[in-house]
Amino acid sequence: MKITEEDNKILDQFRGKVNTTTQQIERAVRKLKYYEEAKDEEITKAVERIEGKLKIINSEYMQWFELLLAFVFAVVRIYGTNLDFNIPSKNEAIRNGR
């Protein structure tokens, strides 16, 4: 849990910055109190873990086809509600012999 909290501090610092380098992340990790007495191997693992998470966070944006699909579904919904499919009255007419 503590590692996740420390990772989140770094992720918040670099969120949205696409051109973040490994060296910048490493400097930020070394400044944290949690990693003051850590060995280089531990810091390297932390940097790799944070870098992987940061790539996922920074790549999350709306794709063009998602916007297009939302627009298409909205148009279908609007026109679909305006169509008058009065099926129950047709069924009543059939039952009544009309």
PDB file of N, CA and C in Angstrom:
ATOM      1  N   MET A   1       0.825  -1.192   0.000  1.00  0.00           N
ATOM      2  CA  MET A   1       0.000   0.000   0.000  1.00  0.00           C
ATOM      3  C   MET A   1       0.875   1.264   0.000  1.00  0.00           C
ATOM      4  N   LYS A   2       1.937   1.194   0.768  1.00  0.00           N
ATOM      5  CA  LYS A   2       2.840   2.337   0.848  1.00  0.00           C
ATOM      6  C   LYS A   2       3.525   2.585  -0.497  1.00  0.00           C
ATOM      7  N   ILE A   3       3.884   1.507  -1.179  1.00  0.00           N
ATOM      8  CA  ILE A   3       4.539   1.646  -2.490  1.00  0.00           C
ATOM      9  C   ILE A   3       3.581   2.305  -3.481  1.00  0.00           C
ATOM     10  N   THR A   4       2.319   1.919  -3.438  1.00  0.00           N
ATOM     11  CA  THR A   4       1.326   2.506  -4.339  1.00  0.00           C
ATOM     12  C   THR A   4       1.161   3.996  -4.069  1.00  0.00           C
ATOM     13  N   GLU A   5       1.149   4.371  -2.809  1.00  0.00           N
ATOM     14  CA  GLU A   5       1.038   5.795  -2.457  1.00  0.00           C
ATOM     15  C   GLU A   5       2.228   6.581  -2.990  1.00  0.00           C
ATOM     16  N   GLU A   6       3.422   6.009  -2.847  1.00  0.00           N
ATOM     17  CA  GLU A   6       4.623   6.680  -3.349  1.00  0.00           C
ATOM     18  C   GLU A   6       4.612   6.754  -4.875  1.00  0.00           C
ATOM     19  N   ASP A   7       4.170   5.682  -5.525  1.00  0.00           N
ATOM     20  CA  ASP A   7       4.055   5.693  -6.989  1.00  0.00           C
ATOM     21  C   ASP A   7       3.077   6.773  -7.444  1.00  0.00           C
ATOM     22  N   ASN A   8       1.973   6.904  -6.729  1.00  0.00           N
ATOM     23  CA  ASN A   8       0.962   7.892  -7.101  1.00  0.00           C
ATOM     24  C   ASN A   8       1.494   9.318  -7.002  1.00  0.00           C
ATOM     25  N   LYS A   9       2.388   9.567  -6.053  1.00  0.00           N
ATOM     26  CA  LYS A   9       2.993  10.906  -5.946  1.00  0.00           C
ATOM     27  C   LYS A   9       3.766  11.231  -7.226  1.00  0.00           C
ATOM     28  N   ILE A  10       4.527  10.254  -7.699  1.00  0.00           N
ATOM     29  CA  ILE A  10       5.307  10.458  -8.927  1.00  0.00           C
ATOM     30  C   ILE A  10       4.382  10.568 -10.134  1.00  0.00           C
ATOM     31  N   LEU A  11       3.369   9.709 -10.191  1.00  0.00           N
ATOM     32  CA  LEU A  11       2.438   9.725 -11.326  1.00  0.00           C
ATOM     33  C   LEU A  11       1.687  11.049 -11.399  1.00  0.00           C
ATOM     34  N   ASP A  12       1.299  11.583 -10.252  1.00  0.00           N
ATOM     35  CA  ASP A  12       0.620  12.884 -10.247  1.00  0.00           C
ATOM     36  C   ASP A  12       1.540  13.984 -10.752  1.00  0.00           C
ATOM     37  N   GLN A  13       2.805  13.866 -10.435  1.00  0.00           N
ATOM     38  CA  GLN A  13       3.784  14.871 -10.844  1.00  0.00           C
ATOM     39  C   GLN A  13       3.987  14.879 -12.359  1.00  0.00           C
ATOM     40  N   PHE A  14       3.953  13.703 -12.984  1.00  0.00           N
ATOM     41  CA  PHE A  14       4.260  13.600 -14.412  1.00  0.00           C
ATOM     42  C   PHE A  14       3.050  13.313 -15.281  1.00  0.00           C
ATOM     43  N   ARG A  15       1.855  13.282 -14.728  1.00  0.00           N
ATOM     44  CA  ARG A  15       0.643  12.997 -15.498  1.00  0.00           C
ATOM     45  C   ARG A  15       0.446  14.075 -16.571  1.00  0.00           C
ATOM     46  N   GLY A  16       0.236  13.628 -17.800  1.00  0.00           N
ATOM     47  CA  GLY A  16      -0.007  14.545 -18.908  1.00  0.00           C
ATOM     48  C   GLY A  16       1.258  15.003 -19.609  1.00  0.00           C
ATOM     49  N   LYS A  17       2.409  14.725 -19.037  1.00  0.00           N
ATOM     50  CA  LYS A  17       3.682  15.109 -19.657  1.00  0.00           C
ATOM     51  C   LYS A  17       4.188  13.921 -20.472  1.00  0.00           C
ATOM     52  N   VAL A  18       3.959  13.971 -21.766  1.00  0.00           N
ATOM     53  CA  VAL A  18       4.251  12.840 -22.649  1.00  0.00           C
ATOM     54  C   VAL A  18       5.753  12.637 -22.834  1.00  0.00           C
ATOM     55  N   ASN A  19       6.533  13.702 -22.765  1.00  0.00           N
ATOM     56  CA  ASN A  19       7.970  13.609 -23.048  1.00  0.00           C
ATOM     57  C   ASN A  19       8.806  13.373 -21.792  1.00  0.00           C
ATOM     58  N   THR A  20       8.256  12.728 -20.788  1.00  0.00           N
ATOM     59  CA  THR A  20       8.982  12.456 -19.554  1.00  0.00           C
ATOM     60  C   THR A  20      10.045  11.387 -19.801  1.00  0.00           C
ATOM     61  N   THR A  21      11.252  11.643 -19.328  1.00  0.00           N
ATOM     62  CA  THR A  21      12.340  10.687 -19.518  1.00  0.00           C
ATOM     63  C   THR A  21      12.509   9.812 -18.277  1.00  0.00           C
ATOM     64  N   THR A  22      13.223   8.734 -18.465  1.00  0.00           N
ATOM     65  CA  THR A  22      13.512   7.820 -17.360  1.00  0.00           C
ATOM     66  C   THR A  22      14.353   8.524 -16.291  1.00  0.00           C
ATOM     67  N   GLN A  23      15.259   9.384 -16.715  1.00  0.00           N
ATOM     68  CA  GLN A  23      16.116  10.096 -15.777  1.00  0.00           C
ATOM     69  C   GLN A  23      15.295  11.040 -14.889  1.00  0.00           C
ATOM     70  N   GLN A  24      14.283  11.688 -15.452  1.00  0.00           N
ATOM     71  CA  GLN A  24      13.431  12.573 -14.655  1.00  0.00           C
ATOM     72  C   GLN A  24      12.674  11.782 -13.595  1.00  0.00           C
ATOM     73  N   ILE A  25      12.176  10.626 -13.987  1.00  0.00           N
ATOM     74  CA  ILE A  25      11.448   9.786 -13.033  1.00  0.00           C
ATOM     75  C   ILE A  25      12.397   9.305 -11.945  1.00  0.00           C
ATOM     76  N   GLU A  26      13.605   8.918 -12.337  1.00  0.00           N
ATOM     77  CA  GLU A  26      14.575   8.429 -11.361  1.00  0.00           C
ATOM     78  C   GLU A  26      14.935   9.512 -10.351  1.00  0.00           C
ATOM     79  N   ARG A  27      15.144  10.751 -10.819  1.00  0.00           N
ATOM     80  CA  ARG A  27      15.438  11.858  -9.905  1.00  0.00           C
ATOM     81  C   ARG A  27      14.300  12.079  -8.919  1.00  0.00           C
ATOM     82  N   ALA A  28      13.075  12.004  -9.425  1.00  0.00           N
ATOM     83  CA  ALA A  28      11.918  12.202  -8.559  1.00  0.00           C
ATOM     84  C   ALA A  28      11.790  11.081  -7.532  1.00  0.00           C
ATOM     85  N   VAL A  29      12.108   9.852  -7.948  1.00  0.00           N
ATOM     86  CA  VAL A  29      12.038   8.710  -7.022  1.00  0.00           C
ATOM     87  C   VAL A  29      13.093   8.863  -5.932  1.00  0.00           C
ATOM     88  N   ARG A  30      14.293   9.272  -6.302  1.00  0.00           N
ATOM     89  CA  ARG A  30      15.372   9.415  -5.321  1.00  0.00           C
ATOM     90  C   ARG A  30      15.068  10.510  -4.291  1.00  0.00           C
ATOM     91  N   LYS A  31      14.237  11.484  -4.652  1.00  0.00           N
ATOM     92  CA  LYS A  31      13.880  12.559  -3.717  1.00  0.00           C
ATOM     93  C   LYS A  31      12.872  12.119  -2.658  1.00  0.00           C
ATOM     94  N   LEU A  32      12.154  11.040  -2.915  1.00  0.00           N
ATOM     95  CA  LEU A  32      11.152  10.575  -1.960  1.00  0.00           C
ATOM     96  C   LEU A  32      11.826   9.978  -0.726  1.00  0.00           C
ATOM     97  N   LYS A  33      11.216  10.217   0.432  1.00  0.00           N
ATOM     98  CA  LYS A  33      11.768   9.696   1.685  1.00  0.00           C
ATOM     99  C   LYS A  33      11.738   8.169   1.713  1.00  0.00           C
ATOM    100  N   TYR A  34      10.751   7.594   1.072  1.00  0.00           N
ATOM    101  CA  TYR A  34      10.603   6.135   1.072  1.00  0.00           C
ATOM    102  C   TYR A  34      11.811   5.445   0.445  1.00  0.00           C
ATOM    103  N   TYR A  35      12.441   6.085  -0.538  1.00  0.00           N
ATOM    104  CA  TYR A  35      13.556   5.482  -1.268  1.00  0.00           C
ATOM    105  C   TYR A  35      14.918   6.061  -0.871  1.00  0.00           C
ATOM    106  N   GLU A  36      15.010   6.750   0.272  1.00  0.00           N
ATOM    107  CA  GLU A  36      16.280   7.360   0.679  1.00  0.00           C
ATOM    108  C   GLU A  36      17.389   6.326   0.866  1.00  0.00           C
ATOM    109  N   GLU A  37      17.064   5.201   1.487  1.00  0.00           N
ATOM    110  CA  GLU A  37      18.074   4.188   1.767  1.00  0.00           C
ATOM    111  C   GLU A  37      17.976   2.988   0.829  1.00  0.00           C
ATOM    112  N   ALA A  38      17.283   3.173  -0.281  1.00  0.00           N
ATOM    113  CA  ALA A  38      17.097   2.064  -1.229  1.00  0.00           C
ATOM    114  C   ALA A  38      18.342   1.863  -2.073  1.00  0.00           C
ATOM    115  N   LYS A  39      18.539   0.625  -2.492  1.00  0.00           N
ATOM    116  CA  LYS A  39      19.659   0.298  -3.378  1.00  0.00           C
ATOM    117  C   LYS A  39      19.278   0.672  -4.807  1.00  0.00           C
ATOM    118  N   ASP A  40      20.295   0.705  -5.660  1.00  0.00           N
ATOM    119  CA  ASP A  40      20.064   1.069  -7.064  1.00  0.00           C
ATOM    120  C   ASP A  40      19.109   0.099  -7.755  1.00  0.00           C
ATOM    121  N   GLU A  41      19.175  -1.173  -7.399  1.00  0.00           N
ATOM    122  CA  GLU A  41      18.288  -2.165  -8.008  1.00  0.00           C
ATOM    123  C   GLU A  41      16.821  -1.873  -7.678  1.00  0.00           C
ATOM    124  N   GLU A  42      16.570  -1.521  -6.424  1.00  0.00           N
ATOM    125  CA  GLU A  42      15.199  -1.211  -5.997  1.00  0.00           C
ATOM    126  C   GLU A  42      14.680   0.030  -6.702  1.00  0.00           C
ATOM    127  N   ILE A  43      15.537   1.003  -6.839  1.00  0.00           N
ATOM    128  CA  ILE A  43      15.140   2.240  -7.517  1.00  0.00           C
ATOM    129  C   ILE A  43      14.879   1.970  -8.993  1.00  0.00           C
ATOM    130  N   THR A  44      15.714   1.145  -9.614  1.00  0.00           N
ATOM    131  CA  THR A  44      15.516   0.804 -11.029  1.00  0.00           C
ATOM    132  C   THR A  44      14.185   0.098 -11.235  1.00  0.00           C
ATOM    133  N   LYS A  45      13.846  -0.837 -10.343  1.00  0.00           N
ATOM    134  CA  LYS A  45      12.567  -1.536 -10.437  1.00  0.00           C
ATOM    135  C   LYS A  45      11.410  -0.557 -10.264  1.00  0.00           C
ATOM    136  N   ALA A  46      11.553   0.365  -9.313  1.00  0.00           N
ATOM    137  CA  ALA A  46      10.495   1.349  -9.076  1.00  0.00           C
ATOM    138  C   ALA A  46      10.316   2.253 -10.290  1.00  0.00           C
ATOM    139  N   VAL A  47      11.419   2.668 -10.883  1.00  0.00           N
ATOM    140  CA  VAL A  47      11.353   3.542 -12.062  1.00  0.00           C
ATOM    141  C   VAL A  47      10.676   2.820 -13.222  1.00  0.00           C
ATOM    142  N   GLU A  48      11.032   1.557 -13.438  1.00  0.00           N
ATOM    143  CA  GLU A  48      10.408   0.788 -14.521  1.00  0.00           C
ATOM    144  C   GLU A  48       8.912   0.619 -14.274  1.00  0.00           C
ATOM    145  N   ARG A  49       8.532   0.335 -13.034  1.00  0.00           N
ATOM    146  CA  ARG A  49       7.120   0.159 -12.693  1.00  0.00           C
ATOM    147  C   ARG A  49       6.345   1.469 -12.902  1.00  0.00           C
ATOM    148  N   ILE A  50       6.914   2.559 -12.437  1.00  0.00           N
ATOM    149  CA  ILE A  50       6.253   3.864 -12.571  1.00  0.00           C
ATOM    150  C   ILE A  50       6.181   4.285 -14.030  1.00  0.00           C
ATOM    151  N   GLU A  51       7.245   4.024 -14.776  1.00  0.00           N
ATOM    152  CA  GLU A  51       7.268   4.386 -16.195  1.00  0.00           C
ATOM    153  C   GLU A  51       6.194   3.630 -16.974  1.00  0.00           C
ATOM    154  N   GLY A  52       6.003   2.353 -16.647  1.00  0.00           N
ATOM    155  CA  GLY A  52       4.951   1.567 -17.301  1.00  0.00           C
ATOM    156  C   GLY A  52       3.567   2.115 -16.995  1.00  0.00           C
ATOM    157  N   LYS A  53       3.335   2.454 -15.739  1.00  0.00           N
ATOM    158  CA  LYS A  53       2.045   3.020 -15.348  1.00  0.00           C
ATOM    159  C   LYS A  53       1.821   4.377 -16.015  1.00  0.00           C
ATOM    160  N   LEU A  54       2.902   5.169 -16.082  1.00  0.00           N
ATOM    161  CA  LEU A  54       2.795   6.507 -16.668  1.00  0.00           C
ATOM    162  C   LEU A  54       2.471   6.442 -18.159  1.00  0.00           C
ATOM    163  N   LYS A  55       3.026   5.478 -18.860  1.00  0.00           N
ATOM    164  CA  LYS A  55       2.717   5.321 -20.288  1.00  0.00           C
ATOM    165  C   LYS A  55       1.241   4.993 -20.491  1.00  0.00           C
ATOM    166  N   ILE A  56       0.702   4.160 -19.624  1.00  0.00           N
ATOM    167  CA  ILE A  56      -0.720   3.810 -19.720  1.00  0.00           C
ATOM    168  C   ILE A  56      -1.582   5.036 -19.450  1.00  0.00           C
ATOM    169  N   ILE A  57      -1.239   5.780 -18.414  1.00  0.00           N
ATOM    170  CA  ILE A  57      -2.037   6.960 -18.054  1.00  0.00           C
ATOM    171  C   ILE A  57      -1.984   8.014 -19.149  1.00  0.00           C
ATOM    172  N   ASN A  58      -0.809   8.260 -19.693  1.00  0.00           N
ATOM    173  CA  ASN A  58      -0.659   9.313 -20.703  1.00  0.00           C
ATOM    174  C   ASN A  58      -1.209   8.926 -22.063  1.00  0.00           C
ATOM    175  N   SER A  59      -1.485   7.641 -22.292  1.00  0.00           N
ATOM    176  CA  SER A  59      -2.013   7.236 -23.589  1.00  0.00           C
ATOM    177  C   SER A  59      -3.536   7.191 -23.603  1.00  0.00           C
ATOM    178  N   GLU A  60      -4.163   7.499 -22.488  1.00  0.00           N
ATOM    179  CA  GLU A  60      -5.617   7.447 -22.421  1.00  0.00           C
ATOM    180  C   GLU A  60      -6.213   8.758 -22.939  1.00  0.00           C
ATOM    181  N   TYR A  61      -6.740   8.706 -24.128  1.00  0.00           N
ATOM    182  CA  TYR A  61      -7.461   9.831 -24.706  1.00  0.00           C
ATOM    183  C   TYR A  61      -8.509   9.275 -25.658  1.00  0.00           C
ATOM    184  N   MET A  62      -9.463  10.101 -25.977  1.00  0.00           N
ATOM    185  CA  MET A  62     -10.567   9.633 -26.804  1.00  0.00           C
ATOM    186  C   MET A  62     -10.097   9.447 -28.248  1.00  0.00           C
ATOM    187  N   GLN A  63     -10.403   8.310 -28.790  1.00  0.00           N
ATOM    188  CA  GLN A  63     -10.067   8.014 -30.171  1.00  0.00           C
ATOM    189  C   GLN A  63     -11.131   8.626 -31.085  1.00  0.00           C
ATOM    190  N   TRP A  64     -10.781   8.877 -32.334  1.00  0.00           N
ATOM    191  CA  TRP A  64     -11.713   9.518 -33.259  1.00  0.00           C
ATOM    192  C   TRP A  64     -12.913   8.631 -33.530  1.00  0.00           C
ATOM    193  N   PHE A  65     -12.703   7.315 -33.599  1.00  0.00           N
ATOM    194  CA  PHE A  65     -13.821   6.426 -33.908  1.00  0.00           C
ATOM    195  C   PHE A  65     -14.790   6.310 -32.730  1.00  0.00           C
ATOM    196  N   GLU A  66     -14.311   6.530 -31.500  1.00  0.00           N
ATOM    197  CA  GLU A  66     -15.219   6.531 -30.348  1.00  0.00           C
ATOM    198  C   GLU A  66     -16.181   7.709 -30.427  1.00  0.00           C
ATOM    199  N   LEU A  67     -15.665   8.852 -30.824  1.00  0.00           N
ATOM    200  CA  LEU A  67     -16.502  10.034 -30.998  1.00  0.00           C
ATOM    201  C   LEU A  67     -17.501   9.824 -32.130  1.00  0.00           C
ATOM    202  N   LEU A  68     -17.050   9.231 -33.218  1.00  0.00           N
ATOM    203  CA  LEU A  68     -17.930   8.954 -34.350  1.00  0.00           C
ATOM    204  C   LEU A  68     -19.041   7.987 -33.955  1.00  0.00           C
ATOM    205  N   LEU A  69     -18.703   6.925 -33.235  1.00  0.00           N
ATOM    206  CA  LEU A  69     -19.717   5.965 -32.783  1.00  0.00           C
ATOM    207  C   LEU A  69     -20.742   6.628 -31.857  1.00  0.00           C
ATOM    208  N   ALA A  70     -20.289   7.482 -30.970  1.00  0.00           N
ATOM    209  CA  ALA A  70     -21.207   8.171 -30.070  1.00  0.00           C
ATOM    210  C   ALA A  70     -22.172   9.046 -30.868  1.00  0.00           C
ATOM    211  N   PHE A  71     -21.658   9.716 -31.896  1.00  0.00           N
ATOM    212  CA  PHE A  71     -22.506  10.559 -32.731  1.00  0.00           C
ATOM    213  C   PHE A  71     -23.523   9.720 -33.492  1.00  0.00           C
ATOM    214  N   VAL A  72     -23.087   8.603 -34.049  1.00  0.00           N
ATOM    215  CA  VAL A  72     -23.993   7.732 -34.810  1.00  0.00           C
ATOM    216  C   VAL A  72     -25.095   7.195 -33.907  1.00  0.00           C
ATOM    217  N   PHE A  73     -24.734   6.722 -32.723  1.00  0.00           N
ATOM    218  CA  PHE A  73     -25.744   6.201 -31.804  1.00  0.00           C
ATOM    219  C   PHE A  73     -26.714   7.289 -31.354  1.00  0.00           C
ATOM    220  N   ALA A  74     -26.234   8.511 -31.190  1.00  0.00           N
ATOM    221  CA  ALA A  74     -27.110   9.613 -30.807  1.00  0.00           C
ATOM    222  C   ALA A  74     -28.119   9.908 -31.921  1.00  0.00           C
ATOM    223  N   VAL A  75     -27.656   9.926 -33.155  1.00  0.00           N
ATOM    224  CA  VAL A  75     -28.550  10.192 -34.285  1.00  0.00           C
ATOM    225  C   VAL A  75     -29.584   9.072 -34.418  1.00  0.00           C
ATOM    226  N   VAL A  76     -29.149   7.824 -34.285  1.00  0.00           N
ATOM    227  CA  VAL A  76     -30.073   6.694 -34.369  1.00  0.00           C
ATOM    228  C   VAL A  76     -31.105   6.788 -33.254  1.00  0.00           C
ATOM    229  N   ARG A  77     -30.671   7.147 -32.080  1.00  0.00           N
ATOM    230  CA  ARG A  77     -31.599   7.269 -30.943  1.00  0.00           C
ATOM    231  C   ARG A  77     -32.619   8.381 -31.189  1.00  0.00           C
ATOM    232  N   ILE A  78     -32.174   9.506 -31.706  1.00  0.00           N
ATOM    233  CA  ILE A  78     -33.083  10.634 -31.950  1.00  0.00           C
ATOM    234  C   ILE A  78     -34.113  10.265 -33.009  1.00  0.00           C
ATOM    235  N   TYR A  79     -33.663   9.721 -34.133  1.00  0.00           N
ATOM    236  CA  TYR A  79     -34.594   9.372 -35.197  1.00  0.00           C
ATOM    237  C   TYR A  79     -35.417   8.140 -34.849  1.00  0.00           C
ATOM    238  N   GLY A  80     -34.864   7.251 -34.043  1.00  0.00           N
ATOM    239  CA  GLY A  80     -35.591   6.061 -33.635  1.00  0.00           C
ATOM    240  C   GLY A  80     -36.783   6.373 -32.753  1.00  0.00           C
ATOM    241  N   THR A  81     -36.687   7.412 -31.939  1.00  0.00           N
ATOM    242  CA  THR A  81     -37.803   7.771 -31.069  1.00  0.00           C
ATOM    243  C   THR A  81     -38.876   8.536 -31.827  1.00  0.00           C
ATOM    244  N   ASN A  82     -38.521   9.131 -32.934  1.00  0.00           N
ATOM    245  CA  ASN A  82     -39.501   9.895 -33.697  1.00  0.00           C
ATOM    246  C   ASN A  82     -40.330   9.013 -34.632  1.00  0.00           C
ATOM    247  N   LEU A  83     -39.891   7.779 -34.859  1.00  0.00           N
ATOM    248  CA  LEU A  83     -40.656   6.884 -35.717  1.00  0.00           C
ATOM    249  C   LEU A  83     -41.880   6.396 -34.961  1.00  0.00           C
ATOM    250  N   ASP A  84     -42.983   6.330 -35.641  1.00  0.00           N
ATOM    251  CA  ASP A  84     -44.222   5.962 -34.979  1.00  0.00           C
ATOM    252  C   ASP A  84     -44.546   4.499 -35.265  1.00  0.00           C
ATOM    253  N   PHE A  85     -43.998   3.637 -34.463  1.00  0.00           N
ATOM    254  CA  PHE A  85     -44.310   2.220 -34.560  1.00  0.00           C
ATOM    255  C   PHE A  85     -45.387   1.913 -33.536  1.00  0.00           C
ATOM    256  N   ASN A  86     -46.587   2.109 -33.898  1.00  0.00           N
ATOM    257  CA  ASN A  86     -47.680   1.902 -32.958  1.00  0.00           C
ATOM    258  C   ASN A  86     -48.147   0.452 -33.073  1.00  0.00           C
ATOM    259  N   ILE A  87     -47.304  -0.456 -32.685  1.00  0.00           N
ATOM    260  CA  ILE A  87     -47.565  -1.884 -32.830  1.00  0.00           C
ATOM    261  C   ILE A  87     -48.758  -2.338 -31.997  1.00  0.00           C
ATOM    262  N   PRO A  88     -48.907  -1.897 -30.744  1.00  0.00           N
ATOM    263  CA  PRO A  88     -50.076  -2.373 -29.995  1.00  0.00           C
ATOM    264  C   PRO A  88     -51.402  -2.054 -30.663  1.00  0.00           C
ATOM    265  N   SER A  89     -51.560  -0.900 -31.285  1.00  0.00           N
ATOM    266  CA  SER A  89     -52.829  -0.579 -31.928  1.00  0.00           C
ATOM    267  C   SER A  89     -53.047  -1.462 -33.167  1.00  0.00           C
ATOM    268  N   LYS A  90     -51.966  -1.836 -33.857  1.00  0.00           N
ATOM    269  CA  LYS A  90     -52.106  -2.750 -34.992  1.00  0.00           C
ATOM    270  C   LYS A  90     -52.568  -4.120 -34.504  1.00  0.00           C
ATOM    271  N   ASN A  91     -51.993  -4.562 -33.386  1.00  0.00           N
ATOM    272  CA  ASN A  91     -52.400  -5.848 -32.825  1.00  0.00           C
ATOM    273  C   ASN A  91     -53.864  -5.814 -32.382  1.00  0.00           C
ATOM    274  N   GLU A  92     -54.299  -4.698 -31.827  1.00  0.00           N
ATOM    275  CA  GLU A  92     -55.691  -4.563 -31.410  1.00  0.00           C
ATOM    276  C   GLU A  92     -56.609  -4.612 -32.627  1.00  0.00           C
ATOM    277  N   ALA A  93     -56.183  -3.982 -33.705  1.00  0.00           N
ATOM    278  CA  ALA A  93     -56.999  -3.980 -34.920  1.00  0.00           C
ATOM    279  C   ALA A  93     -57.138  -5.396 -35.468  1.00  0.00           C
ATOM    280  N   ILE A  94     -56.076  -6.164 -35.388  1.00  0.00           N
ATOM    281  CA  ILE A  94     -56.139  -7.551 -35.874  1.00  0.00           C
ATOM    282  C   ILE A  94     -57.094  -8.377 -35.006  1.00  0.00           C
ATOM    283  N   ARG A  95     -56.983  -8.183 -33.689  1.00  0.00           N
ATOM    284  CA  ARG A  95     -57.851  -8.942 -32.768  1.00  0.00           C
ATOM    285  C   ARG A  95     -59.325  -8.552 -32.928  1.00  0.00           C
ATOM    286  N   ASN A  96     -59.554  -7.312 -33.233  1.00  0.00           N
ATOM    287  CA  ASN A  96     -60.935  -6.842 -33.365  1.00  0.00           C
ATOM    288  C   ASN A  96     -61.513  -7.123 -34.759  1.00  0.00           C
ATOM    289  N   GLY A  97     -60.735  -7.676 -35.626  1.00  0.00           N
ATOM    290  CA  GLY A  97     -61.214  -8.003 -36.962  1.00  0.00           C
ATOM    291  C   GLY A  97     -61.254  -6.815 -37.885  1.00  0.00           C
ATOM    292  N   ARG A  98     -60.518  -5.820 -37.653  1.00  0.00           N
ATOM    293  CA  ARG A  98     -60.519  -4.627 -38.517  1.00  0.00           C
ATOM    294  C   ARG A  98     -59.475  -4.719 -39.564  1.00  0.00           C
TER     295      ARG A  98
END
